[in-house]
C-alpha atoms as a PDB file:
ATOM      1  CA  MET A   1      86.643 141.211  47.913  1.00  0.00           C
ATOM      2  CA  LYS A   2      83.966 142.401  46.062  1.00  0.00           C
ATOM      3  CA  ALA A   3      82.798 138.650  45.586  1.00  0.00           C
ATOM      4  CA  VAL A   4      82.770 137.666  49.190  1.00  0.00           C
ATOM      5  CA  PHE A   5      80.834 140.267  49.192  1.00  0.00           C
ATOM      6  CA  TRP A   6      77.941 139.518  47.435  1.00  0.00           C
ATOM      7  CA  VAL A   7      77.970 135.842  49.160  1.00  0.00           C
ATOM      8  CA  LEU A   8      78.085 136.864  52.383  1.00  0.00           C
ATOM      9  CA  ALA A   9      74.599 139.766  51.319  1.00  0.00           C
ATOM     10  CA  VAL A  10      73.231 136.659  50.247  1.00  0.00           C
ATOM     11  CA  VAL A  11      73.851 134.319  52.829  1.00  0.00           C
ATOM     12  CA  PHE A  12      72.728 137.065  54.875  1.00  0.00           C
ATOM     13  CA  ALA A  13      69.522 137.787  53.896  1.00  0.00           C
ATOM     14  CA  LEU A  14      69.012 134.169  53.816  1.00  0.00           C
ATOM     15  CA  PHE A  15      69.003 134.222  57.430  1.00  0.00           C
ATOM     16  CA  ALA A  16      66.826 136.870  57.338  1.00  0.00           C
ATOM     17  CA  LEU A  17      64.499 135.251  55.141  1.00  0.00           C
ATOM     18  CA  VAL A  18      64.249 131.959  57.370  1.00  0.00           C
ATOM     19  CA  GLN A  19      63.652 133.909  60.509  1.00  0.00           C
ATOM     20  CA  TYR A  20      59.395 133.405  59.524  1.00  0.00           C
ATOM     21  CA  ASN A  21      58.998 130.116  62.115  1.00  0.00           C
ATOM     22  CA  ASP A  22      61.154 132.219  64.870  1.00  0.00           C
ATOM     23  CA  PRO A  23      59.307 133.019  67.875  1.00  0.00           C
ATOM     24  CA  ASP A  24      59.633 136.669  67.359  1.00  0.00           C
ATOM     25  CA  PRO A  25      60.635 136.580  63.215  1.00  0.00           C
ATOM     26  CA  LEU A  26      60.568 140.485  62.699  1.00  0.00           C
ATOM     27  CA  ILE A  27      63.790 141.502  64.732  1.00  0.00           C
ATOM     28  CA  TRP A  28      65.815 138.827  63.540  1.00  0.00           C
ATOM     29  CA  ALA A  29      64.942 139.356  59.442  1.00  0.00           C
ATOM     30  CA  ALA A  30      65.559 142.694  60.629  1.00  0.00           C
ATOM     31  CA  LEU A  31      69.431 142.240  62.238  1.00  0.00           C
ATOM     32  CA  TYR A  32      70.356 139.582  59.737  1.00  0.00           C
ATOM     33  CA  GLY A  33      68.602 141.609  56.580  1.00  0.00           C
ATOM     34  CA  GLY A  34      70.813 144.704  57.852  1.00  0.00           C
ATOM     35  CA  VAL A  35      73.657 143.049  57.801  1.00  0.00           C
ATOM     36  CA  ALA A  36      73.119 141.506  53.955  1.00  0.00           C
ATOM     37  CA  VAL A  37      72.212 145.413  53.099  1.00  0.00           C
ATOM     38  CA  HIS A  38      75.696 146.767  54.406  1.00  0.00           C
ATOM     39  CA  PHE A  39      77.268 143.388  52.781  1.00  0.00           C
ATOM     40  CA  THR A  40      75.537 144.791  49.546  1.00  0.00           C
ATOM     41  CA  LEU A  41      76.144 147.895  49.930  1.00  0.00           C
ATOM     42  CA  ALA A  42      80.243 147.285  50.381  1.00  0.00           C
ATOM     43  CA  ALA A  43      80.093 145.695  47.704  1.00  0.00           C
ATOM     44  CA  LEU A  44      78.906 148.725  44.919  1.00  0.00           C
ATOM     45  CA  GLY A  45      80.751 150.647  47.352  1.00  0.00           C
ATOM     46  CA  LYS A  46      78.694 152.835  48.855  1.00  0.00           C
ATOM     47  CA  LEU A  47      78.874 151.173  52.389  1.00  0.00           C
ATOM     48  CA  ASN A  48      78.120 154.368  55.249  1.00  0.00           C
ATOM     49  CA  ARG A  49      80.501 153.015  58.000  1.00  0.00           C
ATOM     50  CA  ALA A  50      78.653 155.232  60.298  1.00  0.00           C
ATOM     51  CA  VAL A  51      75.565 152.865  60.057  1.00  0.00           C
ATOM     52  CA  LEU A  52      77.721 150.230  60.106  1.00  0.00           C
ATOM     53  CA  TRP A  53      78.795 150.813  63.230  1.00  0.00           C
ATOM     54  CA  LEU A  54      75.914 151.529  64.932  1.00  0.00           C
ATOM     55  CA  TRP A  55      74.466 148.040  63.599  1.00  0.00           C
ATOM     56  CA  LEU A  56      78.060 146.495  64.885  1.00  0.00           C
ATOM     57  CA  GLY A  57      77.183 148.488  68.135  1.00  0.00           C
ATOM     58  CA  VAL A  58      73.392 147.188  68.256  1.00  0.00           C
ATOM     59  CA  SER A  59      74.455 143.654  67.913  1.00  0.00           C
ATOM     60  CA  VAL A  60      77.144 143.900  70.658  1.00  0.00           C
ATOM     61  CA  ALA A  61      75.206 145.203  73.235  1.00  0.00           C
ATOM     62  CA  TRP A  62      72.043 143.361  72.391  1.00  0.00           C
ATOM     63  CA  MET A  63      74.348 139.922  72.550  1.00  0.00           C
ATOM     64  CA  LEU A  64      75.596 141.560  75.899  1.00  0.00           C
ATOM     65  CA  THR A  65      71.996 140.920  77.449  1.00  0.00           C
ATOM     66  CA  LEU A  66      72.242 137.724  76.699  1.00  0.00           C
ATOM     67  CA  ALA A  67      75.629 136.307  78.098  1.00  0.00           C
ATOM     68  CA  PRO A  68      74.010 135.525  81.267  1.00  0.00           C
ATOM     69  CA  ALA A  69      72.497 132.235  79.492  1.00  0.00           C
ATOM     70  CA  PHE A  70      75.481 132.125  77.068  1.00  0.00           C
ATOM     71  CA  PHE A  71      77.515 131.583  80.070  1.00  0.00           C
ATOM     72  CA  ALA A  72      74.388 129.357  82.073  1.00  0.00           C
ATOM     73  CA  TRP A  73      74.352 126.794  79.498  1.00  0.00           C
ATOM     74  CA  LEU A  74      78.429 126.553  79.154  1.00  0.00           C
ATOM     75  CA  GLY A  75      78.776 126.089  82.855  1.00  0.00           C
ATOM     76  CA  MET A  76      75.774 123.606  82.007  1.00  0.00           C
ATOM     77  CA  GLY A  77      78.247 121.476  80.612  1.00  0.00           C
ATOM     78  CA  LEU A  78      76.879 122.647  76.409  1.00  0.00           C
ATOM     79  CA  PRO A  79      74.393 120.567  76.849  1.00  0.00           C
ATOM     80  CA  ASN A  80      72.849 120.107  73.006  1.00  0.00           C
ATOM     81  CA  ILE A  81      70.860 123.403  71.487  1.00  0.00           C
ATOM     82  CA  ALA A  82      70.065 122.300  67.890  1.00  0.00           C
ATOM     83  CA  GLY A  83      68.699 118.602  68.603  1.00  0.00           C
ATOM     84  CA  SER A  84      65.228 120.489  68.190  1.00  0.00           C
ATOM     85  CA  MET A  85      64.186 123.053  66.436  1.00  0.00           C
ATOM     86  CA  LYS A  86      61.483 123.861  68.852  1.00  0.00           C
ATOM     87  CA  ALA A  87      62.723 125.124  71.795  1.00  0.00           C
ATOM     88  CA  GLU A  88      61.290 123.757  75.418  1.00  0.00           C
ATOM     89  CA  GLU A  89      64.138 125.420  77.767  1.00  0.00           C
ATOM     90  CA  PRO A  90      64.745 128.946  78.150  1.00  0.00           C
ATOM     91  CA  HIS A  91      68.094 128.332  77.594  1.00  0.00           C
ATOM     92  CA  ILE A  92      68.025 126.774  74.599  1.00  0.00           C
ATOM     93  CA  GLU A  93      66.624 129.683  72.703  1.00  0.00           C
ATOM     94  CA  LEU A  94      68.743 131.971  74.547  1.00  0.00           C
ATOM     95  CA  THR A  95      72.092 130.192  73.087  1.00  0.00           C
ATOM     96  CA  ARG A  96      71.359 130.828  70.335  1.00  0.00           C
ATOM     97  CA  GLU A  97      69.543 134.595  70.040  1.00  0.00           C
ATOM     98  CA  PHE A  98      73.052 135.130  71.326  1.00  0.00           C
ATOM     99  CA  LEU A  99      75.575 132.833  68.951  1.00  0.00           C
ATOM    100  CA  GLY A 100      72.910 134.504  66.248  1.00  0.00           C
ATOM    101  CA  LEU A 101      73.463 137.592  67.088  1.00  0.00           C
ATOM    102  CA  MET A 102      77.682 137.105  67.173  1.00  0.00           C
ATOM    103  CA  VAL A 103      77.563 136.063  64.309  1.00  0.00           C
ATOM    104  CA  ALA A 104      76.134 139.161  63.177  1.00  0.00           C
ATOM    105  CA  ALA A 105      78.860 141.182  65.175  1.00  0.00           C
ATOM    106  CA  LEU A 106      81.580 139.131  63.412  1.00  0.00           C
ATOM    107  CA  ALA A 107      80.334 139.873  60.587  1.00  0.00           C
ATOM    108  CA  CYS A 108      80.040 143.069  60.977  1.00  0.00           C
ATOM    109  CA  GLY A 109      83.251 143.553  62.790  1.00  0.00           C
ATOM    110  CA  TRP A 110      84.971 141.583  59.850  1.00  0.00           C
ATOM    111  CA  LEU A 111      83.104 143.794  57.224  1.00  0.00           C
ATOM    112  CA  LEU A 112      84.442 146.948  59.131  1.00  0.00           C
ATOM    113  CA  TRP A 113      88.143 145.910  59.015  1.00  0.00           C
ATOM    114  CA  LYS A 114      88.292 145.063  55.204  1.00  0.00           C
ATOM    115  CA  THR A 115      86.568 148.031  54.043  1.00  0.00           C
ATOM    116  CA  MET A 116      89.825 149.982  56.910  1.00  0.00           C
ATOM    117  CA  GLU A 117      92.182 148.375  54.485  1.00  0.00           C
ATOM    118  CA  ARG A 118      90.568 149.724  51.476  1.00  0.00           C
ATOM    119  CA  GLU A 119      90.889 153.142  52.852  1.00  0.00           C
ATOM    120  CA  LEU A 120      94.738 152.733  53.631  1.00  0.00           C
END
């Protein structure tokens, strides 16, 4: 499992690195970088689960603030949000942000679940 944690740490570190062209790069680099740090700490056996719970909570709370835009996008019939890296319409950026937060939250939840298994 340690190898999976290392791979996911690298993946989320890469997610953080490619945020340089985002309209708000620092907050996204911090979000993805934080997830990378949690996977690194898990790989090293030094994960602080309380902090990971907090990271998960912040990710989910932030995601919920973007839920109306996500559901509006669903209501539009799922128009393409990946055709261009430039978001011409607000729903494009907000939907991408929602999905990015979902990926981060799912990763944190999975990490909590996998590290809980080790404690049992």
